Protein backbone atom coordinates (compact mmCIF):
# COMPACT_ATOMS: atom_id res chain seq x y z
CA MET A 1 5.49 -21.47 -17.88
CA GLN A 2 5.92 -19.11 -20.83
CA THR A 3 2.60 -17.45 -20.05
CA LEU A 4 3.62 -17.09 -16.40
CA ILE A 5 6.91 -15.44 -17.36
CA ASN A 6 5.25 -13.12 -19.88
CA THR A 7 2.62 -12.03 -17.35
CA PHE A 8 5.31 -11.49 -14.72
CA LEU A 9 7.34 -9.29 -17.09
CA VAL A 10 4.28 -7.26 -18.16
CA VAL A 11 3.20 -6.58 -14.56
CA LEU A 12 6.78 -5.79 -13.54
CA ALA A 13 7.19 -3.40 -16.47
CA SER A 14 3.92 -1.67 -15.53
CA ILE A 15 4.79 -1.09 -11.86
CA PHE A 16 8.57 -0.62 -11.86
CA PRO A 17 8.71 2.73 -13.72
CA VAL A 18 6.08 4.24 -11.43
CA VAL A 19 7.77 3.08 -8.23
CA ASN A 20 11.25 3.69 -9.71
CA PRO A 21 13.31 2.23 -6.83
CA PRO A 22 16.67 3.69 -8.03
CA GLY A 23 15.23 7.17 -8.45
CA SER A 24 13.24 6.93 -5.23
CA ALA A 25 16.43 5.87 -3.44
CA LEU A 26 18.00 9.23 -4.28
CA VAL A 27 14.97 11.04 -2.90
CA PHE A 28 15.10 8.75 0.16
CA LEU A 29 18.77 9.65 0.55
CA GLY A 30 17.95 13.34 0.41
CA LEU A 31 15.33 12.99 3.14
CA THR A 32 17.58 10.86 5.38
CA SER A 33 21.00 12.35 4.64
CA LYS A 34 21.49 13.54 8.24
CA MET A 35 20.56 10.20 9.80
CA LYS A 36 22.97 7.52 10.98
CA PRO A 37 23.57 4.63 8.52
CA SER A 38 22.02 2.13 10.93
CA ILE A 39 18.82 4.18 11.16
CA ARG A 40 18.75 4.60 7.39
CA ARG A 41 19.02 0.83 6.88
CA ALA A 42 16.25 0.23 9.43
CA LEU A 43 14.09 2.75 7.59
CA ALA A 44 14.87 1.02 4.29
CA ARG A 45 13.65 -2.32 5.69
CA ARG A 46 10.47 -0.78 7.05
CA VAL A 47 9.76 1.08 3.82
CA ALA A 48 10.25 -2.13 1.82
CA VAL A 49 7.84 -4.04 4.08
CA ASN A 50 5.32 -1.19 4.03
CA ALA A 51 5.57 -0.95 0.25
CA LEU A 52 5.00 -4.70 -0.07
CA LEU A 53 1.86 -4.48 2.08
CA VAL A 54 0.56 -1.44 0.18
CA LEU A 55 1.08 -3.15 -3.16
CA LEU A 56 -0.52 -6.41 -2.00
CA CYS A 57 -3.56 -4.65 -0.51
CA SER A 58 -3.95 -2.51 -3.63
CA PHE A 59 -3.78 -5.57 -5.89
CA LEU A 60 -6.06 -7.84 -3.85
CA LEU A 61 -8.48 -5.42 -2.19
CA GLY A 62 -8.15 -2.12 -4.05
CA ALA A 63 -11.12 -2.56 -6.35
CA VAL A 64 -13.38 -3.65 -3.49
CA ILE A 65 -12.39 -0.65 -1.37
CA LEU A 66 -12.92 1.81 -4.23
CA GLN A 67 -16.29 0.26 -5.02
CA PHE A 68 -17.31 0.43 -1.37
CA TYR A 69 -16.59 4.15 -1.20
CA GLY A 70 -17.74 4.84 -4.75
CA ILE A 71 -14.39 6.25 -5.86
CA SER A 72 -13.47 5.96 -9.52
CA ILE A 73 -9.97 5.26 -10.74
CA ALA A 74 -9.99 8.62 -12.53
CA VAL A 75 -10.59 10.45 -9.24
CA LEU A 76 -7.91 8.32 -7.58
CA ARG A 77 -5.45 9.35 -10.29
CA VAL A 78 -6.33 13.02 -9.87
CA ALA A 79 -5.82 12.89 -6.10
CA GLY A 80 -2.71 10.73 -6.38
CA GLY A 81 -1.16 12.83 -9.11
CA PHE A 82 -1.72 15.99 -7.09
CA ILE A 83 -0.02 14.53 -4.00
CA VAL A 84 2.92 13.18 -6.03
CA ALA A 85 3.36 16.50 -7.83
CA VAL A 86 3.29 18.46 -4.56
CA SER A 87 5.86 16.08 -3.03
CA GLY A 88 8.12 16.44 -6.05
CA TRP A 89 7.78 20.23 -6.07
CA LYS A 90 8.60 20.46 -2.38
CA LEU A 91 11.67 18.25 -2.72
CA LEU A 92 12.72 20.09 -5.88
CA ASN A 93 12.93 23.33 -3.90
CA GLU A 94 14.53 21.80 -0.82
CA GLY A 95 17.02 19.48 -2.53
CA SER A 96 18.97 17.11 -0.33
CA HIS A 97 19.56 19.65 2.44
CA LYS A 98 17.44 18.64 5.41
CA GLU A 99 17.82 20.02 8.92
CA ILE A 100 21.27 21.46 8.10
CA GLU A 101 21.07 23.66 11.16
CA ALA A 102 21.15 20.63 13.49
CA PRO A 103 24.55 19.38 14.76
CA PRO A 104 25.60 16.10 13.05
CA ASP A 105 25.83 14.19 16.34
CA ALA A 106 22.73 15.67 17.94
CA GLU A 107 19.94 13.31 18.87
CA PRO A 108 16.73 14.08 16.97
CA LEU A 109 13.78 15.35 18.93
CA TRP A 110 11.53 12.87 17.12
CA ASP A 111 11.69 9.21 16.18
CA PRO A 112 13.17 8.94 12.65
CA LEU A 113 11.45 5.58 12.16
CA SER A 114 8.11 7.40 12.35
CA LEU A 115 8.84 8.55 8.78
CA ALA A 116 8.76 4.97 7.50
CA PHE A 117 5.13 5.01 6.33
CA TYR A 118 4.54 8.71 5.77
CA PRO A 119 6.10 10.21 3.76
CA LEU A 120 8.74 7.60 2.79
CA THR A 121 6.31 4.82 1.81
CA LEU A 122 3.25 6.90 1.02
CA PRO A 123 3.37 9.00 -1.10
CA LEU A 124 7.09 8.87 -1.93
CA THR A 125 7.71 5.21 -2.81
CA THR A 126 4.33 3.57 -3.39
CA GLY A 127 2.13 6.63 -3.62
CA PRO A 128 -1.36 7.11 -5.02
CA GLY A 129 -0.04 6.90 -8.56
CA THR A 130 1.41 3.46 -7.90
CA ILE A 131 -1.74 2.41 -6.07
CA ALA A 132 -3.86 3.45 -9.06
CA VAL A 133 -1.69 1.40 -11.41
CA VAL A 134 -1.74 -1.68 -9.17
CA ILE A 135 -5.49 -1.43 -8.64
CA SER A 136 -5.95 -1.25 -12.41
CA ILE A 137 -3.90 -4.43 -12.75
CA GLY A 138 -5.91 -6.12 -10.02
CA ILE A 139 -9.20 -5.21 -11.67
CA SER A 140 -8.09 -6.99 -14.85
CA ARG A 141 -8.53 -10.26 -12.94
CA ALA A 142 -12.20 -10.05 -13.82
CA THR A 143 -11.40 -10.42 -17.53
CA PHE A 144 -10.29 -14.05 -17.12
CA THR A 145 -12.98 -16.66 -17.63
CA GLU A 146 -10.92 -19.71 -16.67
CA PRO A 147 -9.92 -20.18 -12.99
CA ALA A 148 -6.51 -21.53 -14.07
CA GLU A 149 -5.78 -18.38 -16.07
CA GLU A 150 -6.80 -16.16 -13.18
CA LEU A 151 -4.64 -18.13 -10.75
CA LEU A 152 -1.69 -17.88 -13.14
CA PHE A 153 -2.20 -14.13 -13.40
CA ILE A 154 -2.36 -13.74 -9.61
CA VAL A 155 0.82 -15.77 -9.04
CA ALA A 156 2.76 -13.83 -11.68
CA SER A 157 1.53 -10.50 -10.32
CA LEU A 158 2.43 -11.38 -6.74
CA ALA A 159 5.90 -12.44 -7.88
CA ALA A 160 6.37 -9.11 -9.66
CA ILE A 161 5.25 -7.23 -6.55
CA ALA A 162 7.74 -9.20 -4.44
CA VAL A 163 10.55 -8.27 -6.85
CA ILE A 164 9.57 -4.61 -6.63
CA ALA A 165 9.72 -4.73 -2.82
CA LEU A 166 13.14 -6.44 -2.97
CA ALA A 167 14.40 -3.75 -5.36
CA ILE A 168 13.19 -1.06 -2.94
CA LEU A 169 15.04 -2.75 -0.07
CA LEU A 170 18.31 -3.03 -2.00
CA CYS A 171 18.23 0.46 -3.52
CA PHE A 172 17.29 2.18 -0.27
CA SER A 173 19.71 0.18 1.88
CA TYR A 174 22.68 1.12 -0.28
CA ALA A 175 21.62 4.69 -1.02
CA ASP A 176 24.49 6.02 1.11
CA ARG A 177 26.99 4.42 -1.27
CA ILE A 178 25.49 6.49 -4.05
CA GLN A 179 26.16 9.55 -1.92
CA ARG A 180 29.83 8.61 -1.46
CA ILE A 181 30.24 8.03 -5.19
CA LEU A 182 28.48 11.21 -6.30
CA GLY A 183 29.61 13.49 -3.49
CA GLN A 184 27.44 16.16 -1.88
CA GLY A 185 27.14 18.25 -5.03
CA GLY A 186 26.40 15.31 -7.29
CA THR A 187 23.91 13.90 -4.82
CA ASP A 188 22.05 17.20 -4.63
CA ILE A 189 21.89 17.36 -8.42
CA ALA A 190 20.66 13.77 -8.62
CA VAL A 191 18.04 14.38 -5.92
CA ARG A 192 16.75 17.49 -7.66
CA LEU A 193 16.63 15.66 -10.98
CA SER A 194 14.70 12.79 -9.38
CA ALA A 195 12.41 15.33 -7.71
CA PHE A 196 11.71 16.93 -11.09
CA ILE A 197 10.91 13.51 -12.55
CA LEU A 198 8.65 12.85 -9.55
CA PHE A 199 6.90 16.18 -10.12
CA SER A 200 6.49 15.43 -13.84
CA LEU A 201 5.14 11.98 -13.05
CA GLY A 202 2.61 13.52 -10.67
CA VAL A 203 1.47 15.96 -13.35
CA GLN A 204 1.17 13.09 -15.84
CA ILE A 205 -0.93 11.01 -13.44
CA LEU A 206 -3.05 14.07 -12.63
CA TRP A 207 -3.60 14.80 -16.31
CA SER A 208 -4.55 11.17 -17.00
CA GLY A 209 -7.23 11.37 -14.32
CA VAL A 210 -8.50 14.75 -15.50
CA SER A 211 -8.65 13.50 -19.09
CA GLU A 212 -10.75 10.51 -18.05
CA LEU A 213 -13.09 12.76 -16.07
CA LEU A 214 -13.48 15.12 -19.03
CA ILE A 215 -14.23 12.19 -21.33
CA SER A 216 -16.83 10.90 -18.87
CA VAL A 217 -18.49 14.34 -18.89
CA LEU A 218 -18.41 14.79 -22.66
CA HIS A 219 -19.34 11.16 -23.34
CA PRO A 220 -21.40 9.87 -20.40
CA GLY A 221 -21.21 6.14 -19.89
CA SER A 222 -17.88 5.72 -21.70
CA ILE A 223 -15.97 5.31 -18.41
CA PRO A 224 -17.41 3.43 -15.41
CA ALA A 225 -17.89 5.56 -12.32
CA VAL A 226 -16.51 2.88 -10.03
CA PRO A 227 -14.38 -0.18 -10.78
CA LYS A 228 -16.13 -3.46 -11.40
CA PRO A 229 -15.93 -6.03 -8.63
CA MET A 230 -13.27 -8.70 -8.98
CA GLY A 231 -14.07 -12.30 -9.68
């Protein structure tokens, strides 16, 4: 039981800062500030479910998919970091003001729920950076020699992923309360601060991937081109 708890805490600590549900909730609020509360809550539920599926697929099948296409984790980090940085830069310039020219009671010309997967789930909540981290965790399954240890690791990891999805649901569902507490000005500041952190995180992920690629060029064979198969 102690090993299960320790593994759960390690996996949770590895994924939670990258997903950052509280910070992502502020960005989510900025992107949905003109929507009705009922639509925002429906979006929050869909994003939580989508995030859960993305995390599960990344953990269970990520290494197999990358191996099939011959994509290294370093390249995944470069691509993911670039997308996250661009998303953060765009939101940093736009702030929480979205479609301010539209009347508050006007019906949107598009389905707001269509935003649930892109961009609210990918790349905003569980973007390429998160996928790279979760795939790295999933690949570590191959390091266990005993089936019992591997099963314990899988159970603890799945529990941590479920907690992350629950945190996303709670933070996103009650994001409007944050807006009422902070006010419009405070919300805009918080969204821009979160956007800057998102941009910085994207740059960090990008640099991590570039560093690994440079090391692989300077020292061939030090980093595998594609992840090892699981099991």
